[in-house]
Amino acid sequence: MAFHEIRFPTSLSFGSVGGPERRTEIVTLANGYEERNTPWAHSRRHYDAGVGLRSLDDVEALLAFFEARQGQLHGFRWKDWADYKSCPASRVVAYDDQPVGAGDGVQTQFQLQKIYLSGDVSYARPVTKPVLGSVKVGVQGHHRAEAVDFEVDLQTGIVSFGTAPPAGALVTAGFEFDVPVRFDTDRILVSVASFQAGDLPQVPVVEVRV
């Protein structure tokens, strides 16, 4: 599958419905207790792009984007308005938002990630599609300059330093990011009359591993 480094129109994704899905395998034992396991290390997100449509112009823009991706064939970027920053929505992205690793004097590449914390349990989500111009990086509490101290690969979310951070130095980053997705259908059904009456087409979108 090819991936197109283009973002689904944000004016259409705003107002969409969606969120993370987990897969849990549950076996109920004879004594009534359960054994639970999951084959997924990471959640997978689903969205409905049809909910964000507000006019027939929006429908036309959606159809053009759908045709250019050839339905489910090619992936693309999606802005999840409920979760697109390394920090809370009310804050501005800062270089010390998220820890992404610790220096050892040798390693020069670090994967962007976002940590979700609840109580003493956390989940680290790899971020592979950062937004151009949004990535800020720090080393041991000091801001580093892009194109001078580091480069970021917008297709993988890997930060590369020209000089390896010293041993024990905390590497942090702040960023905005997109979700890599594809359409989860090969057809879109639109009725002009029913759309004007408020009946929106269903356009499922699903996250892909890249």
Protein backbone atom coordinates (compact mmCIF):
# COMPACT_ATOMS: atom_id res chain seq x y z
CA MET A 1 0.00 0.00 0.00
CA ALA A 2 1.30 3.44 -0.91
CA PHE A 3 0.93 6.29 1.55
CA HIS A 4 0.15 9.79 0.33
CA GLU A 5 1.67 12.46 2.58
CA ILE A 6 -1.42 14.64 2.33
CA ARG A 7 -3.86 15.59 5.06
CA PHE A 8 -7.59 15.01 4.75
CA PRO A 9 -9.21 18.48 4.66
CA THR A 10 -9.40 19.68 8.25
CA SER A 11 -12.60 21.58 7.55
CA LEU A 12 -14.21 18.19 6.84
CA SER A 13 -12.62 16.20 9.66
CA PHE A 14 -13.71 18.80 12.24
CA GLY A 15 -16.88 17.50 13.86
CA SER A 16 -16.23 13.89 12.87
CA VAL A 17 -16.84 11.02 15.27
CA GLY A 18 -14.13 8.56 16.24
CA GLY A 19 -11.52 7.33 18.67
CA PRO A 20 -9.28 4.43 19.73
CA GLU A 21 -10.17 0.75 19.58
CA ARG A 22 -8.53 -2.02 21.59
CA ARG A 23 -8.78 -5.76 20.93
CA THR A 24 -9.18 -7.88 24.04
CA GLU A 25 -9.51 -11.66 24.09
CA ILE A 26 -11.54 -12.83 27.10
CA VAL A 27 -11.86 -16.42 28.28
CA THR A 28 -14.31 -17.17 31.09
CA LEU A 29 -13.08 -20.06 33.24
CA ALA A 30 -15.27 -22.73 34.83
CA ASN A 31 -14.98 -21.03 38.22
CA GLY A 32 -16.30 -17.73 36.79
CA TYR A 33 -12.95 -15.93 36.74
CA GLU A 34 -11.67 -14.44 33.51
CA GLU A 35 -8.40 -14.54 31.67
CA ARG A 36 -7.83 -11.46 29.49
CA ASN A 37 -5.16 -10.89 26.89
CA THR A 38 -4.58 -8.69 23.87
CA PRO A 39 -2.68 -9.34 20.62
CA TRP A 40 -2.34 -5.58 20.04
CA ALA A 41 0.46 -3.55 21.57
CA HIS A 42 -1.14 -0.35 20.27
CA SER A 43 -4.71 0.84 19.83
CA ARG A 44 -6.24 1.44 16.40
CA ARG A 45 -8.39 4.47 15.69
CA HIS A 46 -11.59 4.66 13.67
CA TYR A 47 -13.42 7.74 12.41
CA ASP A 48 -16.48 8.65 10.35
CA ALA A 49 -15.59 11.39 7.87
CA GLY A 50 -19.21 11.79 6.78
CA VAL A 51 -20.26 13.45 10.02
CA GLY A 52 -18.14 16.52 9.27
CA LEU A 53 -19.89 17.31 5.98
CA ARG A 54 -22.01 20.46 6.04
CA SER A 55 -22.69 21.37 2.40
CA LEU A 56 -22.68 19.93 -1.09
CA ASP A 57 -19.36 21.69 -1.64
CA ASP A 58 -18.02 19.55 1.22
CA VAL A 59 -19.36 16.44 -0.51
CA GLU A 60 -17.58 17.42 -3.71
CA ALA A 61 -14.30 17.94 -1.83
CA LEU A 62 -14.71 14.54 -0.13
CA LEU A 63 -15.37 12.76 -3.42
CA ALA A 64 -12.30 14.38 -5.01
CA PHE A 65 -10.12 13.27 -2.09
CA PHE A 66 -11.64 9.76 -2.17
CA GLU A 67 -11.03 9.38 -5.91
CA ALA A 68 -7.45 10.63 -5.63
CA ARG A 69 -6.75 7.98 -2.96
CA GLN A 70 -8.52 5.33 -5.10
CA GLY A 71 -10.75 4.28 -2.25
CA GLN A 72 -8.94 2.05 0.24
CA LEU A 73 -5.77 1.76 -1.86
CA HIS A 74 -3.71 4.67 -0.55
CA GLY A 75 -3.29 5.93 2.99
CA PHE A 76 -3.29 9.57 4.05
CA ARG A 77 -3.00 11.88 7.06
CA TRP A 78 -5.93 12.63 9.35
CA LYS A 79 -6.17 15.30 12.03
CA ASP A 80 -7.85 13.92 15.14
CA TRP A 81 -9.24 17.11 16.64
CA ALA A 82 -9.62 15.41 20.03
CA ASP A 83 -5.96 14.34 20.18
CA TYR A 84 -3.41 16.05 17.93
CA LYS A 85 -0.87 17.62 20.30
CA SER A 86 1.90 16.45 22.59
CA CYS A 87 0.31 18.58 25.31
CA PRO A 88 -3.24 19.26 26.56
CA ALA A 89 -5.45 21.02 24.01
CA SER A 90 -5.48 24.25 26.04
CA ARG A 91 -1.69 24.55 26.02
CA VAL A 92 0.88 25.54 23.42
CA VAL A 93 3.34 22.90 22.23
CA ALA A 94 6.67 23.10 24.12
CA TYR A 95 9.98 21.30 23.73
CA ASP A 96 9.63 19.54 27.09
CA ASP A 97 6.12 18.11 26.60
CA GLN A 98 7.09 14.45 26.18
CA PRO A 99 10.15 12.36 27.07
CA VAL A 100 11.36 10.48 23.98
CA GLY A 101 14.51 8.87 25.32
CA ALA A 102 17.76 9.23 27.22
CA GLY A 103 21.15 9.88 25.70
CA ASP A 104 23.99 7.38 25.93
CA GLY A 105 26.62 9.35 24.04
CA VAL A 106 26.17 7.12 20.97
CA GLN A 107 22.51 7.06 19.92
CA THR A 108 21.55 9.87 17.54
CA GLN A 109 18.00 8.86 16.54
CA PHE A 110 14.88 8.98 18.72
CA GLN A 111 11.27 8.08 17.90
CA LEU A 112 8.64 10.68 18.78
CA GLN A 113 6.03 9.38 21.19
CA LYS A 114 3.12 10.53 23.31
CA ILE A 115 2.64 9.07 26.78
CA TYR A 116 -0.87 8.58 28.20
CA LEU A 117 -0.77 8.42 31.99
CA SER A 118 -3.50 7.31 34.39
CA GLY A 119 -2.52 6.72 37.99
CA ASP A 120 0.72 4.75 37.97
CA VAL A 121 -0.01 3.11 34.60
CA SER A 122 1.14 4.60 31.31
CA TYR A 123 0.98 3.82 27.59
CA ALA A 124 3.55 5.10 25.09
CA ARG A 125 2.10 5.75 21.63
CA PRO A 126 4.60 6.03 18.76
CA VAL A 127 4.05 9.19 16.71
CA THR A 128 4.96 8.60 13.05
CA LYS A 129 3.32 11.57 11.32
CA PRO A 130 4.40 14.85 12.96
CA VAL A 131 3.19 18.09 11.39
CA LEU A 132 5.64 20.22 9.43
CA GLY A 133 7.09 23.08 11.49
CA SER A 134 5.55 21.95 14.78
CA VAL A 135 8.34 19.80 16.25
CA LYS A 136 10.35 21.26 19.14
CA VAL A 137 13.13 19.32 20.83
CA GLY A 138 15.06 19.68 24.07
CA VAL A 139 18.05 17.94 25.66
CA GLN A 140 18.41 17.97 29.44
CA GLY A 141 16.04 20.95 29.73
CA HIS A 142 17.65 23.04 26.99
CA HIS A 143 15.93 23.87 23.72
CA ARG A 144 17.58 22.63 20.53
CA ALA A 145 17.22 24.26 17.10
CA GLU A 146 15.87 22.34 14.11
CA ALA A 147 18.19 22.23 11.08
CA VAL A 148 21.06 23.18 13.40
CA ASP A 149 21.05 20.55 16.16
CA PHE A 150 18.54 18.04 14.77
CA GLU A 151 16.40 17.00 11.81
CA VAL A 152 12.98 15.35 11.92
CA ASP A 153 11.62 12.86 9.40
CA LEU A 154 7.98 13.84 8.83
CA GLN A 155 7.20 10.41 7.35
CA THR A 156 8.44 8.36 10.31
CA GLY A 157 8.57 10.69 13.31
CA ILE A 158 12.26 9.98 13.91
CA VAL A 159 14.39 12.81 15.28
CA SER A 160 18.07 12.68 14.25
CA PHE A 161 20.78 14.63 16.04
CA GLY A 162 24.03 15.68 14.39
CA THR A 163 25.80 14.97 17.69
CA ALA A 164 24.58 12.26 20.04
CA PRO A 165 23.10 13.57 23.31
CA PRO A 166 25.45 12.89 26.25
CA ALA A 167 24.97 9.86 28.49
CA GLY A 168 22.06 10.29 30.90
CA ALA A 169 20.66 13.39 29.19
CA LEU A 170 16.87 13.41 28.95
CA VAL A 171 15.63 14.00 25.39
CA THR A 172 12.20 15.64 25.15
CA ALA A 173 9.95 16.85 22.37
CA GLY A 174 6.74 18.73 21.67
CA PHE A 175 4.77 18.50 18.45
CA GLU A 176 1.49 18.37 16.62
CA PHE A 177 0.76 15.14 14.76
CA ASP A 178 -1.59 13.41 12.34
CA VAL A 179 -2.92 9.85 12.33
CA PRO A 180 -2.00 7.62 9.35
CA VAL A 181 -5.29 6.29 7.99
CA ARG A 182 -7.09 4.94 4.92
CA PHE A 183 -10.71 4.84 3.86
CA ASP A 184 -12.43 1.73 5.20
CA THR A 185 -14.78 1.44 2.24
CA ASP A 186 -14.51 1.30 -1.53
CA ARG A 187 -17.74 3.18 -2.16
CA ILE A 188 -19.49 6.32 -0.99
CA LEU A 189 -23.26 6.63 -1.33
CA VAL A 190 -24.61 10.19 -1.45
CA SER A 191 -28.18 11.29 -2.09
CA VAL A 192 -28.41 15.01 -2.80
CA ALA A 193 -32.01 15.22 -1.64
CA SER A 194 -31.45 13.30 1.59
CA PHE A 195 -28.21 15.18 2.29
CA GLN A 196 -30.02 18.51 2.20
CA ALA A 197 -32.52 17.02 4.63
CA GLY A 198 -29.74 16.15 7.05
CA ASP A 199 -29.00 12.54 6.09
CA LEU A 200 -25.19 12.33 5.95
CA PRO A 201 -23.28 9.59 4.10
CA GLN A 202 -21.18 7.20 6.18
CA VAL A 203 -17.50 7.45 5.28
CA PRO A 204 -15.50 5.15 7.58
CA VAL A 205 -11.79 5.82 8.06
CA VAL A 206 -9.40 3.49 9.89
CA GLU A 207 -5.86 3.87 11.21
CA VAL A 208 -3.07 1.97 9.46
CA ARG A 209 0.33 0.79 10.69
CA VAL A 210 3.20 2.51 8.92
